[in-house]
Amino acid sequence: LRSWLREHGEANGWAGAHSMYRTIRAFFGRVRLCYDRVDHPGFVPPKENPAAELDLGLPKPNLILWPRAAIDAFVALADNAGHKSIGDAVVMMGWLGVRKQDWLSWPADFFDRDLLAFRQEKTNNPLVLPWRTVPALVLRVEAARARRRDDGVTARTFFHDGAGRPWKDADAFRDVFNELRDQLTKQHPHFETRYYVGADPEDPLRLPTKKLTVRTMRHTCITLNHDAGVPRELIRAITGHELDTIDQELK
């Protein structure tokens, strides 16, 4: 298993290998539920997870953070391509770090309140965000409301696809996002960044545009808020990251 994961990391990237490792470890931690007989050869006792102590020395994946210029360029491209709601979502994720599975179903009137209160799907932790303290987000929300009114958008959700319909699921959003990212890659093959990336052998501070993902907006939220003067303790309250994780990403 260790050799296979290392081969996967070398061929497809270490971030994917780490994710697969966590999935395998979680699976073996629960697979005993499939077999209620302790004498079954597939039974795994609760404290004998075969993937828990692999001594897996995978290199840590490079930290990918969206440069400010990349966010601005992506949002402008989405707006011009008729996907302004995706631009709204990217601005929101950049400042609030909300996972897409949480905001995909937010109702159309969700931003009518000064505080966004919801329970995170991944962790089941409650979260309250004072979104009106972010001027850029306030402007996007006001513009989105005006578009909904002028265009007669009837989607029951605040964020919607280019036709004004609720997103079918997270995959549908990601597919359109990736199409826009591919278009941006043709216009801007890379962006300069302050954080070491090492993906380009000629310049470790040059971030290939094709590596920008929705998931990395969670980490980018930390740097945007830090650069705006938000204390790290408040950043933790916004994103849910531990302080040591925040410190690591700000190094």
C-alpha atoms as a PDB file:
ATOM      1  CA  LEU A   1       0.000   0.000   0.000  1.00  0.00           C
ATOM      2  CA  ARG A   2       2.855   2.370   0.858  1.00  0.00           C
ATOM      3  CA  SER A   3       4.599   1.726  -2.464  1.00  0.00           C
ATOM      4  CA  TRP A   4       1.390   2.123  -4.412  1.00  0.00           C
ATOM      5  CA  LEU A   5       0.591   5.473  -2.787  1.00  0.00           C
ATOM      6  CA  ARG A   6       4.093   6.751  -3.483  1.00  0.00           C
ATOM      7  CA  GLU A   7       3.787   5.714  -7.116  1.00  0.00           C
ATOM      8  CA  HIS A   8       0.444   7.502  -7.285  1.00  0.00           C
ATOM      9  CA  GLY A   9       1.982  10.634  -5.764  1.00  0.00           C
ATOM     10  CA  GLU A  10       4.880  10.696  -8.200  1.00  0.00           C
ATOM     11  CA  ALA A  11       2.577  10.213 -11.177  1.00  0.00           C
ATOM     12  CA  ASN A  12      -0.397  12.372 -10.218  1.00  0.00           C
ATOM     13  CA  GLY A  13       0.729  14.745  -7.475  1.00  0.00           C
ATOM     14  CA  TRP A  14       1.278  14.434  -3.738  1.00  0.00           C
ATOM     15  CA  ALA A  15      -1.912  16.253  -2.754  1.00  0.00           C
ATOM     16  CA  GLY A  16      -3.998  13.523  -4.367  1.00  0.00           C
ATOM     17  CA  ALA A  17      -1.891  10.819  -2.735  1.00  0.00           C
ATOM     18  CA  HIS A  18      -2.392  12.365   0.709  1.00  0.00           C
ATOM     19  CA  SER A  19      -6.136  12.584   0.106  1.00  0.00           C
ATOM     20  CA  MET A  20      -6.252   8.944  -0.964  1.00  0.00           C
ATOM     21  CA  TYR A  21      -4.232   7.914   2.078  1.00  0.00           C
ATOM     22  CA  ARG A  22      -6.692   9.659   4.405  1.00  0.00           C
ATOM     23  CA  THR A  23      -9.606   8.014   2.605  1.00  0.00           C
ATOM     24  CA  ILE A  24      -8.059   4.539   2.881  1.00  0.00           C
ATOM     25  CA  ARG A  25      -7.283   5.026   6.546  1.00  0.00           C
ATOM     26  CA  ALA A  26     -10.839   6.179   7.256  1.00  0.00           C
ATOM     27  CA  PHE A  27     -12.245   3.246   5.288  1.00  0.00           C
ATOM     28  CA  PHE A  28     -10.301   0.640   7.236  1.00  0.00           C
ATOM     29  CA  GLY A  29     -11.373   2.351  10.432  1.00  0.00           C
ATOM     30  CA  ARG A  30     -15.019   1.689   9.549  1.00  0.00           C
ATOM     31  CA  VAL A  31     -14.921  -1.458   7.445  1.00  0.00           C
ATOM     32  CA  ARG A  32     -15.553  -3.625  10.518  1.00  0.00           C
ATOM     33  CA  LEU A  33     -19.151  -2.407  10.309  1.00  0.00           C
ATOM     34  CA  CYS A  34     -19.482  -4.500   7.135  1.00  0.00           C
ATOM     35  CA  TYR A  35     -18.717  -7.726   9.012  1.00  0.00           C
ATOM     36  CA  ASP A  36     -20.301  -8.421  12.364  1.00  0.00           C
ATOM     37  CA  ARG A  37     -18.490 -11.749  12.855  1.00  0.00           C
ATOM     38  CA  VAL A  38     -15.081 -11.498  14.460  1.00  0.00           C
ATOM     39  CA  ASP A  39     -13.983 -14.727  12.754  1.00  0.00           C
ATOM     40  CA  HIS A  40     -14.630 -13.292   9.281  1.00  0.00           C
ATOM     41  CA  PRO A  41     -11.335 -12.774   7.371  1.00  0.00           C
ATOM     42  CA  GLY A  42     -12.418  -9.267   6.417  1.00  0.00           C
ATOM     43  CA  PHE A  43     -13.150  -8.181   9.976  1.00  0.00           C
ATOM     44  CA  VAL A  44     -10.954  -5.314  11.222  1.00  0.00           C
ATOM     45  CA  PRO A  45     -10.934  -4.792  15.002  1.00  0.00           C
ATOM     46  CA  PRO A  46     -11.461  -1.142  16.032  1.00  0.00           C
ATOM     47  CA  LYS A  47      -7.859  -0.652  17.201  1.00  0.00           C
ATOM     48  CA  GLU A  48      -6.133  -2.590  14.417  1.00  0.00           C
ATOM     49  CA  ASN A  49      -6.428  -0.280  11.442  1.00  0.00           C
ATOM     50  CA  PRO A  50      -3.824  -1.584   8.937  1.00  0.00           C
ATOM     51  CA  ALA A  51      -3.432   1.857   7.380  1.00  0.00           C
ATOM     52  CA  ALA A  52      -3.049   3.828  10.599  1.00  0.00           C
ATOM     53  CA  GLU A  53       0.695   3.241  11.046  1.00  0.00           C
ATOM     54  CA  LEU A  54       2.045   3.095   7.515  1.00  0.00           C
ATOM     55  CA  ASP A  55       5.032   5.317   8.282  1.00  0.00           C
ATOM     56  CA  LEU A  56       4.152   6.949   5.001  1.00  0.00           C
ATOM     57  CA  GLY A  57       6.813   9.516   4.197  1.00  0.00           C
ATOM     58  CA  LEU A  58       5.042  11.330   1.385  1.00  0.00           C
ATOM     59  CA  PRO A  59       6.404  14.806   0.640  1.00  0.00           C
ATOM     60  CA  LYS A  60       4.034  17.551   1.683  1.00  0.00           C
ATOM     61  CA  PRO A  61       2.168  19.045  -1.273  1.00  0.00           C
ATOM     62  CA  ASN A  62       3.091  22.580  -2.240  1.00  0.00           C
ATOM     63  CA  LEU A  63       0.795  25.160  -0.710  1.00  0.00           C
ATOM     64  CA  ILE A  64      -1.316  26.752  -3.439  1.00  0.00           C
ATOM     65  CA  LEU A  65      -2.653  30.226  -2.692  1.00  0.00           C
ATOM     66  CA  TRP A  66      -4.460  32.413  -5.205  1.00  0.00           C
ATOM     67  CA  PRO A  67      -2.588  35.685  -5.834  1.00  0.00           C
ATOM     68  CA  ARG A  68      -4.803  38.755  -5.688  1.00  0.00           C
ATOM     69  CA  ALA A  69      -4.257  39.308  -9.415  1.00  0.00           C
ATOM     70  CA  ALA A  70      -5.460  35.782 -10.175  1.00  0.00           C
ATOM     71  CA  ILE A  71      -8.689  36.303  -8.236  1.00  0.00           C
ATOM     72  CA  ASP A  72      -9.374  39.595  -9.995  1.00  0.00           C
ATOM     73  CA  ALA A  73      -8.634  38.083 -13.417  1.00  0.00           C
ATOM     74  CA  PHE A  74     -10.824  35.041 -12.801  1.00  0.00           C
ATOM     75  CA  VAL A  75     -13.759  37.104 -11.530  1.00  0.00           C
ATOM     76  CA  ALA A  76     -13.498  39.459 -14.516  1.00  0.00           C
ATOM     77  CA  LEU A  77     -13.437  36.492 -16.901  1.00  0.00           C
ATOM     78  CA  ALA A  78     -16.455  34.880 -15.215  1.00  0.00           C
ATOM     79  CA  ASP A  79     -18.378  38.163 -15.391  1.00  0.00           C
ATOM     80  CA  ASN A  80     -17.606  38.660 -19.077  1.00  0.00           C
ATOM     81  CA  ALA A  81     -18.514  35.030 -19.858  1.00  0.00           C
ATOM     82  CA  GLY A  82     -21.999  35.418 -18.397  1.00  0.00           C
ATOM     83  CA  HIS A  83     -21.229  33.605 -15.144  1.00  0.00           C
ATOM     84  CA  LYS A  84     -21.351  36.528 -12.739  1.00  0.00           C
ATOM     85  CA  SER A  85     -22.758  34.323 -10.006  1.00  0.00           C
ATOM     86  CA  ILE A  86     -19.542  32.286 -10.152  1.00  0.00           C
ATOM     87  CA  GLY A  87     -17.644  35.545  -9.760  1.00  0.00           C
ATOM     88  CA  ASP A  88     -19.817  36.282  -6.718  1.00  0.00           C
ATOM     89  CA  ALA A  89     -18.994  32.863  -5.275  1.00  0.00           C
ATOM     90  CA  VAL A  90     -15.243  33.290  -5.789  1.00  0.00           C
ATOM     91  CA  VAL A  91     -15.255  36.702  -4.095  1.00  0.00           C
ATOM     92  CA  MET A  92     -17.246  35.247  -1.198  1.00  0.00           C
ATOM     93  CA  MET A  93     -14.981  32.195  -0.811  1.00  0.00           C
ATOM     94  CA  GLY A  94     -11.884  34.385  -0.962  1.00  0.00           C
ATOM     95  CA  TRP A  95     -13.014  36.374   2.065  1.00  0.00           C
ATOM     96  CA  LEU A  96     -15.128  33.879   4.021  1.00  0.00           C
ATOM     97  CA  GLY A  97     -13.570  30.537   3.043  1.00  0.00           C
ATOM     98  CA  VAL A  98     -16.922  28.745   2.923  1.00  0.00           C
ATOM     99  CA  ARG A  99     -16.816  25.297   1.324  1.00  0.00           C
ATOM    100  CA  LYS A 100     -18.932  24.998  -1.816  1.00  0.00           C
ATOM    101  CA  GLN A 101     -21.049  22.174  -0.378  1.00  0.00           C
ATOM    102  CA  ASP A 102     -22.189  24.677   2.253  1.00  0.00           C
ATOM    103  CA  TRP A 103     -23.054  27.667   0.061  1.00  0.00           C
ATOM    104  CA  LEU A 104     -24.516  25.827  -2.945  1.00  0.00           C
ATOM    105  CA  SER A 105     -27.900  25.569  -1.243  1.00  0.00           C
ATOM    106  CA  TRP A 106     -28.006  28.956   0.466  1.00  0.00           C
ATOM    107  CA  PRO A 107     -31.475  30.431  -0.157  1.00  0.00           C
ATOM    108  CA  ALA A 108     -31.943  33.539  -2.268  1.00  0.00           C
ATOM    109  CA  ASP A 109     -32.525  35.715   0.813  1.00  0.00           C
ATOM    110  CA  PHE A 110     -29.526  34.388   2.756  1.00  0.00           C
ATOM    111  CA  PHE A 111     -27.630  37.679   2.554  1.00  0.00           C
ATOM    112  CA  ASP A 112     -30.613  39.672   3.803  1.00  0.00           C
ATOM    113  CA  ARG A 113     -29.204  39.183   7.302  1.00  0.00           C
ATOM    114  CA  ASP A 114     -26.138  40.936   8.659  1.00  0.00           C
ATOM    115  CA  LEU A 115     -24.818  37.644  10.036  1.00  0.00           C
ATOM    116  CA  LEU A 116     -24.557  34.444   8.015  1.00  0.00           C
ATOM    117  CA  ALA A 117     -25.401  31.557  10.339  1.00  0.00           C
ATOM    118  CA  PHE A 118     -25.141  27.960   9.177  1.00  0.00           C
ATOM    119  CA  ARG A 119     -23.774  24.557  10.137  1.00  0.00           C
ATOM    120  CA  GLN A 120     -20.841  23.212   8.139  1.00  0.00           C
ATOM    121  CA  GLU A 121     -21.622  19.998   6.320  1.00  0.00           C
ATOM    122  CA  LYS A 122     -18.123  18.529   6.668  1.00  0.00           C
ATOM    123  CA  THR A 123     -17.595  19.157  10.389  1.00  0.00           C
ATOM    124  CA  ASN A 124     -21.162  19.811  11.579  1.00  0.00           C
ATOM    125  CA  ASN A 125     -19.766  22.839  13.408  1.00  0.00           C
ATOM    126  CA  PRO A 126     -21.939  25.970  13.603  1.00  0.00           C
ATOM    127  CA  LEU A 127     -20.537  29.132  12.061  1.00  0.00           C
ATOM    128  CA  VAL A 128     -21.583  32.789  12.161  1.00  0.00           C
ATOM    129  CA  LEU A 129     -19.928  35.220   9.735  1.00  0.00           C
ATOM    130  CA  PRO A 130     -20.284  39.042   9.789  1.00  0.00           C
ATOM    131  CA  TRP A 131     -20.093  39.347   6.011  1.00  0.00           C
ATOM    132  CA  ARG A 132     -20.965  43.065   5.890  1.00  0.00           C
ATOM    133  CA  THR A 133     -17.531  43.918   7.304  1.00  0.00           C
ATOM    134  CA  VAL A 134     -16.074  43.065   3.868  1.00  0.00           C
ATOM    135  CA  PRO A 135     -16.684  46.009   1.476  1.00  0.00           C
ATOM    136  CA  ALA A 136     -15.835  43.991  -1.661  1.00  0.00           C
ATOM    137  CA  LEU A 137     -18.365  41.324  -0.733  1.00  0.00           C
ATOM    138  CA  VAL A 138     -21.046  43.883   0.072  1.00  0.00           C
ATOM    139  CA  LEU A 139     -20.652  45.381  -3.405  1.00  0.00           C
ATOM    140  CA  ARG A 140     -20.901  41.950  -5.074  1.00  0.00           C
ATOM    141  CA  VAL A 141     -24.013  41.017  -3.108  1.00  0.00           C
ATOM    142  CA  GLU A 142     -25.726  44.310  -3.926  1.00  0.00           C
ATOM    143  CA  ALA A 143     -24.888  43.877  -7.617  1.00  0.00           C
ATOM    144  CA  ALA A 144     -26.159  40.272  -7.523  1.00  0.00           C
ATOM    145  CA  ARG A 145     -29.455  41.393  -6.024  1.00  0.00           C
ATOM    146  CA  ALA A 146     -29.853  43.981  -8.769  1.00  0.00           C
ATOM    147  CA  ARG A 147     -29.145  41.349 -11.439  1.00  0.00           C
ATOM    148  CA  ARG A 148     -31.671  38.970  -9.969  1.00  0.00           C
ATOM    149  CA  ARG A 149     -34.274  41.716 -10.046  1.00  0.00           C
ATOM    150  CA  ASP A 150     -33.434  42.996 -13.535  1.00  0.00           C
ATOM    151  CA  ASP A 151     -33.008  39.551 -15.117  1.00  0.00           C
ATOM    152  CA  GLY A 152     -35.988  37.992 -13.398  1.00  0.00           C
ATOM    153  CA  VAL A 153     -33.912  35.214 -11.830  1.00  0.00           C
ATOM    154  CA  THR A 154     -36.235  32.840 -10.013  1.00  0.00           C
ATOM    155  CA  ALA A 155     -33.664  30.404  -8.606  1.00  0.00           C
ATOM    156  CA  ARG A 156     -34.476  29.532  -5.012  1.00  0.00           C
ATOM    157  CA  THR A 157     -30.735  29.707  -4.253  1.00  0.00           C
ATOM    158  CA  PHE A 158     -28.599  32.837  -4.093  1.00  0.00           C
ATOM    159  CA  PHE A 159     -25.839  31.346  -6.246  1.00  0.00           C
ATOM    160  CA  HIS A 160     -26.973  29.925  -9.578  1.00  0.00           C
ATOM    161  CA  ASP A 161     -25.737  28.828 -12.983  1.00  0.00           C
ATOM    162  CA  GLY A 162     -25.522  30.979 -16.119  1.00  0.00           C
ATOM    163  CA  ALA A 163     -29.160  30.270 -16.959  1.00  0.00           C
ATOM    164  CA  GLY A 164     -30.390  31.491 -13.577  1.00  0.00           C
ATOM    165  CA  ARG A 165     -31.084  27.996 -12.259  1.00  0.00           C
ATOM    166  CA  PRO A 166     -29.842  26.453  -8.989  1.00  0.00           C
ATOM    167  CA  TRP A 167     -26.659  24.448  -9.403  1.00  0.00           C
ATOM    168  CA  LYS A 168     -27.524  20.784  -9.892  1.00  0.00           C
ATOM    169  CA  ASP A 169     -24.690  19.751  -7.585  1.00  0.00           C
ATOM    170  CA  ALA A 170     -21.085  20.553  -6.665  1.00  0.00           C
ATOM    171  CA  ASP A 171     -19.798  18.688  -9.720  1.00  0.00           C
ATOM    172  CA  ALA A 172     -21.821  20.893 -12.065  1.00  0.00           C
ATOM    173  CA  PHE A 173     -20.315  24.006 -10.499  1.00  0.00           C
ATOM    174  CA  ARG A 174     -16.802  22.565 -10.636  1.00  0.00           C
ATOM    175  CA  ASP A 175     -17.164  21.666 -14.326  1.00  0.00           C
ATOM    176  CA  VAL A 176     -18.034  25.259 -15.279  1.00  0.00           C
ATOM    177  CA  PHE A 177     -15.378  26.596 -12.919  1.00  0.00           C
ATOM    178  CA  ASN A 178     -12.752  24.398 -14.584  1.00  0.00           C
ATOM    179  CA  GLU A 179     -13.826  25.567 -18.048  1.00  0.00           C
ATOM    180  CA  LEU A 180     -13.347  29.170 -16.954  1.00  0.00           C
ATOM    181  CA  ARG A 181     -10.003  28.318 -15.344  1.00  0.00           C
ATOM    182  CA  ASP A 182      -8.871  26.721 -18.616  1.00  0.00           C
ATOM    183  CA  GLN A 183      -9.828  29.882 -20.494  1.00  0.00           C
ATOM    184  CA  LEU A 184      -7.906  31.964 -17.966  1.00  0.00           C
ATOM    185  CA  THR A 185      -4.878  29.694 -18.424  1.00  0.00           C
ATOM    186  CA  LYS A 186      -4.805  30.576 -22.125  1.00  0.00           C
ATOM    187  CA  GLN A 187      -4.830  34.289 -21.278  1.00  0.00           C
ATOM    188  CA  HIS A 188      -2.499  34.082 -18.272  1.00  0.00           C
ATOM    189  CA  PRO A 189      -0.401  30.871 -18.155  1.00  0.00           C
ATOM    190  CA  HIS A 190       0.846  31.827 -14.709  1.00  0.00           C
ATOM    191  CA  PHE A 191       0.702  34.463 -11.966  1.00  0.00           C
ATOM    192  CA  GLU A 192       3.440  35.822  -9.762  1.00  0.00           C
ATOM    193  CA  THR A 193       3.038  34.991  -6.076  1.00  0.00           C
ATOM    194  CA  ARG A 194       4.721  35.889  -2.793  1.00  0.00           C
ATOM    195  CA  TYR A 195       4.567  32.288  -1.588  1.00  0.00           C
ATOM    196  CA  TYR A 196       6.978  29.541  -2.607  1.00  0.00           C
ATOM    197  CA  VAL A 197       5.324  27.181  -5.070  1.00  0.00           C
ATOM    198  CA  GLY A 198       8.160  25.427  -6.859  1.00  0.00           C
ATOM    199  CA  ALA A 199       5.861  24.172  -9.641  1.00  0.00           C
ATOM    200  CA  ASP A 200       7.851  26.053 -12.280  1.00  0.00           C
ATOM    201  CA  PRO A 201      11.537  25.010 -12.414  1.00  0.00           C
ATOM    202  CA  GLU A 202      12.471  28.422 -13.781  1.00  0.00           C
ATOM    203  CA  ASP A 203      10.758  30.438 -11.053  1.00  0.00           C
ATOM    204  CA  PRO A 204       9.512  28.985  -7.718  1.00  0.00           C
ATOM    205  CA  LEU A 205       7.425  32.142  -7.167  1.00  0.00           C
ATOM    206  CA  ARG A 206       5.469  31.635 -10.375  1.00  0.00           C
ATOM    207  CA  LEU A 207       2.133  29.849  -9.974  1.00  0.00           C
ATOM    208  CA  PRO A 208       0.729  28.023 -13.033  1.00  0.00           C
ATOM    209  CA  THR A 209      -2.880  29.088 -13.543  1.00  0.00           C
ATOM    210  CA  LYS A 210      -3.940  25.501 -14.220  1.00  0.00           C
ATOM    211  CA  LYS A 211      -3.234  24.676 -10.550  1.00  0.00           C
ATOM    212  CA  LEU A 212      -5.873  27.100  -9.235  1.00  0.00           C
ATOM    213  CA  THR A 213      -8.807  25.195  -7.751  1.00  0.00           C
ATOM    214  CA  VAL A 214     -11.968  25.898  -5.768  1.00  0.00           C
ATOM    215  CA  ARG A 215     -10.563  24.004  -2.806  1.00  0.00           C
ATOM    216  CA  THR A 216      -7.499  26.251  -2.523  1.00  0.00           C
ATOM    217  CA  MET A 217      -9.757  29.269  -1.986  1.00  0.00           C
ATOM    218  CA  ARG A 218     -10.098  28.032   1.603  1.00  0.00           C
ATOM    219  CA  HIS A 219      -6.386  28.596   2.175  1.00  0.00           C
ATOM    220  CA  THR A 220      -6.392  31.819   0.169  1.00  0.00           C
ATOM    221  CA  CYS A 221      -9.018  33.201   2.538  1.00  0.00           C
ATOM    222  CA  ILE A 222      -6.452  33.077   5.331  1.00  0.00           C
ATOM    223  CA  THR A 223      -3.931  35.213   3.440  1.00  0.00           C
ATOM    224  CA  LEU A 224      -6.491  37.731   2.152  1.00  0.00           C
ATOM    225  CA  ASN A 225      -7.831  38.352   5.641  1.00  0.00           C
ATOM    226  CA  HIS A 226      -4.339  38.492   7.127  1.00  0.00           C
ATOM    227  CA  ASP A 227      -3.251  41.053   4.533  1.00  0.00           C
ATOM    228  CA  ALA A 228      -6.366  43.082   5.362  1.00  0.00           C
ATOM    229  CA  GLY A 229      -5.298  43.235   9.022  1.00  0.00           C
ATOM    230  CA  VAL A 230      -7.678  40.627  10.451  1.00  0.00           C
ATOM    231  CA  PRO A 231      -6.238  39.047  13.637  1.00  0.00           C
ATOM    232  CA  ARG A 232      -5.373  35.361  13.362  1.00  0.00           C
ATOM    233  CA  GLU A 233      -7.830  34.475  16.144  1.00  0.00           C
ATOM    234  CA  LEU A 234     -10.656  35.990  14.070  1.00  0.00           C
ATOM    235  CA  ILE A 235      -9.376  34.231  10.951  1.00  0.00           C
ATOM    236  CA  ARG A 236      -9.695  30.968  12.867  1.00  0.00           C
ATOM    237  CA  ALA A 237     -13.296  31.847  13.687  1.00  0.00           C
ATOM    238  CA  ILE A 238     -13.978  32.592  10.011  1.00  0.00           C
ATOM    239  CA  THR A 239     -12.355  29.565   8.378  1.00  0.00           C
ATOM    240  CA  GLY A 240     -12.339  26.990  11.171  1.00  0.00           C
ATOM    241  CA  HIS A 241      -8.603  26.316  10.785  1.00  0.00           C
ATOM    242  CA  GLU A 242      -6.464  25.772  13.871  1.00  0.00           C
ATOM    243  CA  LEU A 243      -3.985  28.500  14.769  1.00  0.00           C
ATOM    244  CA  ASP A 244      -0.964  26.324  13.974  1.00  0.00           C
ATOM    245  CA  THR A 245      -2.374  25.683  10.494  1.00  0.00           C
ATOM    246  CA  ILE A 246      -2.917  29.408   9.996  1.00  0.00           C
ATOM    247  CA  ASP A 247       0.630  30.136  11.152  1.00  0.00           C
ATOM    248  CA  GLN A 248       2.018  27.502   8.790  1.00  0.00           C
ATOM    249  CA  GLU A 249       0.207  28.986   5.802  1.00  0.00           C
ATOM    250  CA  LEU A 250       1.333  32.507   6.668  1.00  0.00           C
ATOM    251  CA  LYS A 251       5.014  31.590   6.895  1.00  0.00           C
END
